[in-house]
Amino acid sequence: MKLKGQSAVIVGGARGIGAAIAERFAAEGARIMLVDLPKMKAEADEVARAIASAGREALFFAADCTDDVQVNRMVDETVRSFGGIDILVNSAGLRGPLVPVEDIAEAEYDAVLEVNLKAPFLCCQAVLRVMKKQKRGSIVSIAGTAGKEGMALRGSLVAAKWGLLGLTQTIAKEAGPYGVRANVICPGGMDEPDLRVMYAERAKNLGMEFKELESKILQDTPLRKYAKHEEVAAAALFLASSDSSHTTGESLNVSGGRLMH
């Protein structure tokens, strides 16, 4: 019960890493506000039911977090429902096009930065107003390996995720005196079907076979396996809880050793 009595906003909480984090936080006693696009309501409701069946509380707020009006409404509703916000998790993401930099369409580039950088910025901005008044809070954002290394055919995603690390470090320095911490998790390849679809497309664009690319990725990963959602959720719990009370501005790799910096 490391989060007993606390409230957590999970942006992108309807599925994947976000859903795993929401369920793990709820199991540790947190009240959960699941935030996702309106079209994700069915998936979010399923996560909320799973949390409720375990005797915990979860609500769903439909919002496009690239819009500041919707973000502020979400924050206001969370404060009204739970009395405050102790934790923010930025887990929503958009991988974007798999093409060389010169072939990225401006609209595609903008869309990737909107979801991966602007949305976390707006959510942090709105939540910080609450957390600073409370003199406490923890912000956890999901960046991935794209936040620490250049990747062929991933120009827009890498630009956004590197920006997210810089934003997090800035927030850590500004909000630290108020008792608010901000950290990033950098997962490696995830054990999920849509990532394999992306790898297959990336291999094709690189002129490689899927198995060749997958073998190279796993060969570069000392633990020789993909990350599971639950493993990322465990790292998020550490950063959100008092177990990491003297940790801020950091990026925690959950990459099986693929990243060591």
Protein backbone atom coordinates (compact mmCIF):
# COMPACT_ATOMS: atom_id res chain seq x y z
CA MET A 1 0.00 0.00 0.00
CA LYS A 2 2.74 2.43 -0.98
CA LEU A 3 0.23 4.89 -2.48
CA LYS A 4 -2.55 4.62 0.11
CA GLY A 5 -4.73 7.71 0.15
CA GLN A 6 -3.07 9.26 -2.91
CA SER A 7 -4.64 10.21 -6.23
CA ALA A 8 -3.02 9.55 -9.60
CA VAL A 9 -3.77 10.88 -13.06
CA ILE A 10 -2.74 8.37 -15.75
CA VAL A 11 -2.70 9.95 -19.20
CA GLY A 12 -2.94 7.23 -21.81
CA GLY A 13 -4.37 4.88 -19.21
CA ALA A 14 -6.76 2.94 -21.42
CA ARG A 15 -4.26 0.34 -22.59
CA GLY A 16 -0.65 -0.79 -22.72
CA ILE A 17 1.85 0.67 -20.28
CA GLY A 18 -0.66 3.22 -19.00
CA ALA A 19 -3.23 0.57 -18.10
CA ALA A 20 -0.59 -1.56 -16.36
CA ILE A 21 0.54 1.45 -14.33
CA ALA A 22 -3.04 2.32 -13.40
CA GLU A 23 -3.74 -1.20 -12.15
CA ARG A 24 -0.46 -1.38 -10.22
CA PHE A 25 -1.01 2.01 -8.59
CA ALA A 26 -4.57 1.07 -7.65
CA ALA A 27 -3.33 -2.15 -6.07
CA GLU A 28 -1.03 0.03 -3.96
CA GLY A 29 -3.98 2.09 -2.69
CA ALA A 30 -4.18 5.01 -5.13
CA ARG A 31 -7.38 6.46 -6.54
CA ILE A 32 -7.05 6.56 -10.31
CA MET A 33 -8.18 9.07 -12.93
CA LEU A 34 -7.81 7.36 -16.29
CA VAL A 35 -7.36 9.92 -19.06
CA ASP A 36 -7.54 9.06 -22.74
CA LEU A 37 -9.20 10.01 -26.00
CA PRO A 38 -13.00 9.63 -26.23
CA LYS A 39 -12.57 6.76 -28.71
CA MET A 40 -10.72 4.82 -26.00
CA LYS A 41 -13.69 4.81 -23.61
CA ALA A 42 -14.45 1.09 -23.99
CA GLU A 43 -10.85 0.13 -23.17
CA ALA A 44 -10.70 2.62 -20.29
CA ASP A 45 -13.96 1.31 -18.86
CA GLU A 46 -12.49 -2.20 -18.91
CA VAL A 47 -9.45 -1.02 -16.94
CA ALA A 48 -11.72 0.81 -14.49
CA ARG A 49 -13.83 -2.33 -13.99
CA ALA A 50 -10.73 -4.39 -13.29
CA ILE A 51 -9.64 -1.86 -10.69
CA ALA A 52 -13.12 -1.71 -9.15
CA SER A 53 -13.32 -5.49 -8.95
CA ALA A 54 -10.23 -5.37 -6.74
CA GLY A 55 -12.00 -2.96 -4.40
CA ARG A 56 -10.25 0.20 -5.62
CA GLU A 57 -11.51 3.41 -7.23
CA ALA A 58 -11.02 4.50 -10.83
CA LEU A 59 -12.73 7.15 -12.94
CA PHE A 60 -12.42 7.93 -16.64
CA PHE A 61 -12.08 11.39 -18.14
CA ALA A 62 -12.19 11.65 -21.93
CA ALA A 63 -9.81 14.32 -23.18
CA ASP A 64 -7.43 15.22 -25.96
CA CYS A 65 -4.44 16.32 -23.91
CA THR A 66 -2.96 18.33 -26.76
CA ASP A 67 -5.68 20.90 -25.95
CA ASP A 68 -5.09 23.06 -22.88
CA VAL A 69 -8.80 23.69 -22.26
CA GLN A 70 -9.50 19.96 -22.02
CA VAL A 71 -6.41 19.39 -19.87
CA ASN A 72 -7.44 22.05 -17.37
CA ARG A 73 -10.95 20.62 -17.20
CA MET A 74 -9.45 17.21 -16.50
CA VAL A 75 -7.29 18.58 -13.69
CA ASP A 76 -10.22 20.48 -12.18
CA GLU A 77 -12.40 17.36 -12.29
CA THR A 78 -9.68 15.26 -10.65
CA VAL A 79 -9.26 17.77 -7.83
CA ARG A 80 -13.02 17.95 -7.39
CA SER A 81 -13.30 14.15 -7.27
CA PHE A 82 -10.23 13.30 -5.22
CA GLY A 83 -9.35 16.51 -3.37
CA GLY A 84 -5.94 16.89 -5.01
CA ILE A 85 -3.42 15.28 -7.35
CA ASP A 86 -0.41 13.46 -5.94
CA ILE A 87 0.86 11.74 -9.09
CA LEU A 88 0.82 12.45 -12.81
CA VAL A 89 1.88 9.79 -15.31
CA ASN A 90 2.37 10.86 -18.94
CA SER A 91 2.03 7.59 -20.82
CA ALA A 92 0.22 8.53 -24.04
CA GLY A 93 2.34 8.26 -27.15
CA LEU A 94 2.41 8.30 -30.95
CA ARG A 95 5.30 6.57 -32.74
CA GLY A 96 4.81 8.40 -36.02
CA PRO A 97 6.24 7.70 -39.47
CA LEU A 98 9.05 5.25 -40.20
CA VAL A 99 10.87 7.21 -42.89
CA PRO A 100 14.11 9.18 -43.31
CA VAL A 101 14.13 12.73 -41.99
CA GLU A 102 13.85 14.23 -45.47
CA ASP A 103 10.64 12.27 -46.09
CA ILE A 104 8.78 13.22 -42.89
CA ALA A 105 5.74 15.27 -43.79
CA GLU A 106 5.34 18.45 -41.77
CA ALA A 107 1.90 17.37 -40.57
CA GLU A 108 3.28 14.02 -39.40
CA TYR A 109 6.13 15.71 -37.55
CA ASP A 110 3.74 18.12 -35.87
CA ALA A 111 1.39 15.30 -34.83
CA VAL A 112 4.20 13.34 -33.15
CA LEU A 113 5.41 16.39 -31.22
CA GLU A 114 1.84 17.28 -30.25
CA VAL A 115 1.19 13.91 -28.61
CA ASN A 116 4.65 13.13 -27.23
CA LEU A 117 5.82 16.56 -26.10
CA LYS A 118 3.06 19.16 -26.13
CA ALA A 119 0.55 16.97 -24.29
CA PRO A 120 2.97 16.15 -21.42
CA PHE A 121 3.90 19.84 -21.26
CA LEU A 122 0.26 20.90 -20.91
CA CYS A 123 -0.48 18.17 -18.36
CA CYS A 124 2.60 19.06 -16.29
CA GLN A 125 1.78 22.76 -16.50
CA ALA A 126 -1.78 22.24 -15.22
CA VAL A 127 -0.86 19.72 -12.53
CA LEU A 128 2.08 21.77 -11.23
CA ARG A 129 -0.31 24.53 -10.18
CA VAL A 130 -1.98 21.99 -7.89
CA MET A 131 1.15 20.20 -6.70
CA LYS A 132 3.05 23.37 -5.80
CA LYS A 133 0.17 24.52 -3.59
CA GLN A 134 0.12 21.09 -1.92
CA LYS A 135 3.91 21.17 -1.48
CA ARG A 136 4.11 17.61 -2.79
CA GLY A 137 3.75 15.57 -5.96
CA SER A 138 5.46 13.21 -8.38
CA ILE A 139 5.45 13.37 -12.18
CA VAL A 140 6.49 10.31 -14.18
CA SER A 141 6.77 10.44 -17.98
CA ILE A 142 7.41 7.60 -20.41
CA ALA A 143 10.08 8.34 -23.00
CA GLY A 144 11.55 5.06 -24.24
CA THR A 145 14.96 4.45 -25.76
CA ALA A 146 14.14 7.13 -28.36
CA GLY A 147 14.71 9.65 -25.59
CA LYS A 148 18.39 8.77 -25.35
CA GLU A 149 19.65 7.65 -28.74
CA GLY A 150 19.20 8.59 -32.36
CA MET A 151 17.34 6.01 -34.43
CA ALA A 152 17.23 5.65 -38.18
CA LEU A 153 13.75 6.35 -39.57
CA ARG A 154 12.48 7.71 -36.23
CA GLY A 155 13.39 11.39 -36.54
CA SER A 156 10.12 12.87 -35.26
CA LEU A 157 9.80 10.47 -32.33
CA VAL A 158 13.42 10.94 -31.24
CA ALA A 159 13.06 14.72 -31.39
CA ALA A 160 9.94 14.59 -29.20
CA LYS A 161 11.33 12.17 -26.63
CA TRP A 162 14.65 13.99 -26.25
CA GLY A 163 12.58 17.10 -25.66
CA LEU A 164 10.58 15.27 -22.98
CA LEU A 165 13.77 14.48 -21.06
CA GLY A 166 14.83 18.12 -21.19
CA LEU A 167 11.38 19.30 -20.09
CA THR A 168 11.46 16.86 -17.17
CA GLN A 169 14.85 18.04 -15.96
CA THR A 170 13.67 21.66 -16.14
CA ILE A 171 10.54 20.86 -14.12
CA ALA A 172 12.66 18.99 -11.57
CA LYS A 173 14.79 22.09 -11.01
CA GLU A 174 11.86 24.51 -10.89
CA ALA A 175 9.48 22.41 -8.78
CA GLY A 176 11.96 20.74 -6.45
CA PRO A 177 11.84 23.54 -3.86
CA TYR A 178 8.08 22.92 -3.61
CA GLY A 179 8.48 19.22 -2.84
CA VAL A 180 7.52 18.15 -6.36
CA ARG A 181 9.61 15.58 -8.21
CA ALA A 182 9.75 14.78 -11.96
CA ASN A 183 11.37 11.75 -13.57
CA VAL A 184 11.32 9.79 -16.82
CA ILE A 185 11.24 6.07 -17.61
CA CYS A 186 12.99 4.83 -20.75
CA PRO A 187 11.67 1.35 -21.59
CA GLY A 188 13.31 -0.78 -24.25
CA GLY A 189 11.38 -2.83 -26.79
CA MET A 190 8.02 -3.83 -25.35
CA ASP A 191 6.46 -7.27 -25.40
CA GLU A 192 3.38 -6.22 -27.38
CA PRO A 193 1.94 -7.07 -30.82
CA ASP A 194 1.85 -3.53 -32.23
CA LEU A 195 5.56 -3.07 -31.54
CA ARG A 196 6.30 -6.16 -33.62
CA VAL A 197 4.19 -4.69 -36.41
CA MET A 198 6.28 -1.52 -36.18
CA TYR A 199 9.50 -3.55 -36.20
CA ALA A 200 8.31 -5.40 -39.31
CA GLU A 201 7.67 -2.09 -41.09
CA ARG A 202 11.00 -0.69 -39.92
CA ALA A 203 12.85 -3.79 -41.14
CA LYS A 204 11.21 -3.47 -44.54
CA ASN A 205 12.18 0.19 -44.84
CA LEU A 206 15.76 -0.66 -43.82
CA GLY A 207 15.94 -3.45 -46.39
CA MET A 208 16.14 -6.16 -43.72
CA GLU A 209 14.13 -9.21 -42.79
CA PHE A 210 12.01 -8.87 -39.65
CA LYS A 211 13.82 -11.72 -37.91
CA GLU A 212 17.17 -10.11 -38.71
CA LEU A 213 16.14 -6.82 -37.13
CA GLU A 214 14.53 -8.49 -34.12
CA SER A 215 17.62 -10.66 -33.59
CA LYS A 216 19.86 -7.57 -33.70
CA ILE A 217 17.67 -5.73 -31.18
CA LEU A 218 17.67 -8.66 -28.77
CA GLN A 219 21.39 -9.25 -29.34
CA ASP A 220 21.98 -5.65 -28.23
CA THR A 221 19.89 -6.30 -25.11
CA PRO A 222 21.95 -8.12 -22.45
CA LEU A 223 18.87 -9.74 -20.89
CA ARG A 224 17.86 -10.98 -24.39
CA LYS A 225 14.16 -10.23 -23.99
CA TYR A 226 11.52 -7.58 -24.43
CA ALA A 227 10.21 -5.52 -21.52
CA LYS A 228 6.80 -6.36 -20.07
CA HIS A 229 4.22 -3.73 -19.19
CA GLU A 230 4.33 -4.91 -15.57
CA GLU A 231 8.08 -4.26 -15.40
CA VAL A 232 7.59 -0.67 -16.52
CA ALA A 233 4.71 -0.30 -14.04
CA ALA A 234 7.02 -1.44 -11.23
CA ALA A 235 9.54 1.25 -12.18
CA ALA A 236 6.73 3.83 -12.28
CA LEU A 237 5.64 2.79 -8.80
CA PHE A 238 9.17 3.32 -7.51
CA LEU A 239 9.36 6.82 -9.00
CA ALA A 240 5.85 7.77 -7.87
CA SER A 241 6.22 6.55 -4.30
CA SER A 242 8.27 7.72 -1.33
CA ASP A 243 10.78 4.96 -2.13
CA SER A 244 12.35 7.49 -4.51
CA SER A 245 11.90 10.52 -2.25
CA HIS A 246 15.37 11.88 -3.10
CA THR A 247 15.20 11.17 -6.83
CA THR A 248 14.27 13.86 -9.35
CA GLY A 249 15.31 14.89 -12.84
CA GLU A 250 16.42 11.33 -13.54
CA SER A 251 15.77 8.94 -16.41
CA LEU A 252 15.36 5.31 -15.36
CA ASN A 253 16.12 2.76 -18.05
CA VAL A 254 13.93 -0.36 -18.20
CA SER A 255 15.63 -1.70 -21.29
CA GLY A 256 17.16 -5.01 -20.29
CA GLY A 257 20.57 -3.35 -20.41
CA ARG A 258 20.24 -2.00 -23.93
CA LEU A 259 20.67 1.51 -22.54
CA MET A 260 23.26 2.10 -19.83
CA HIS A 261 23.42 5.89 -19.74
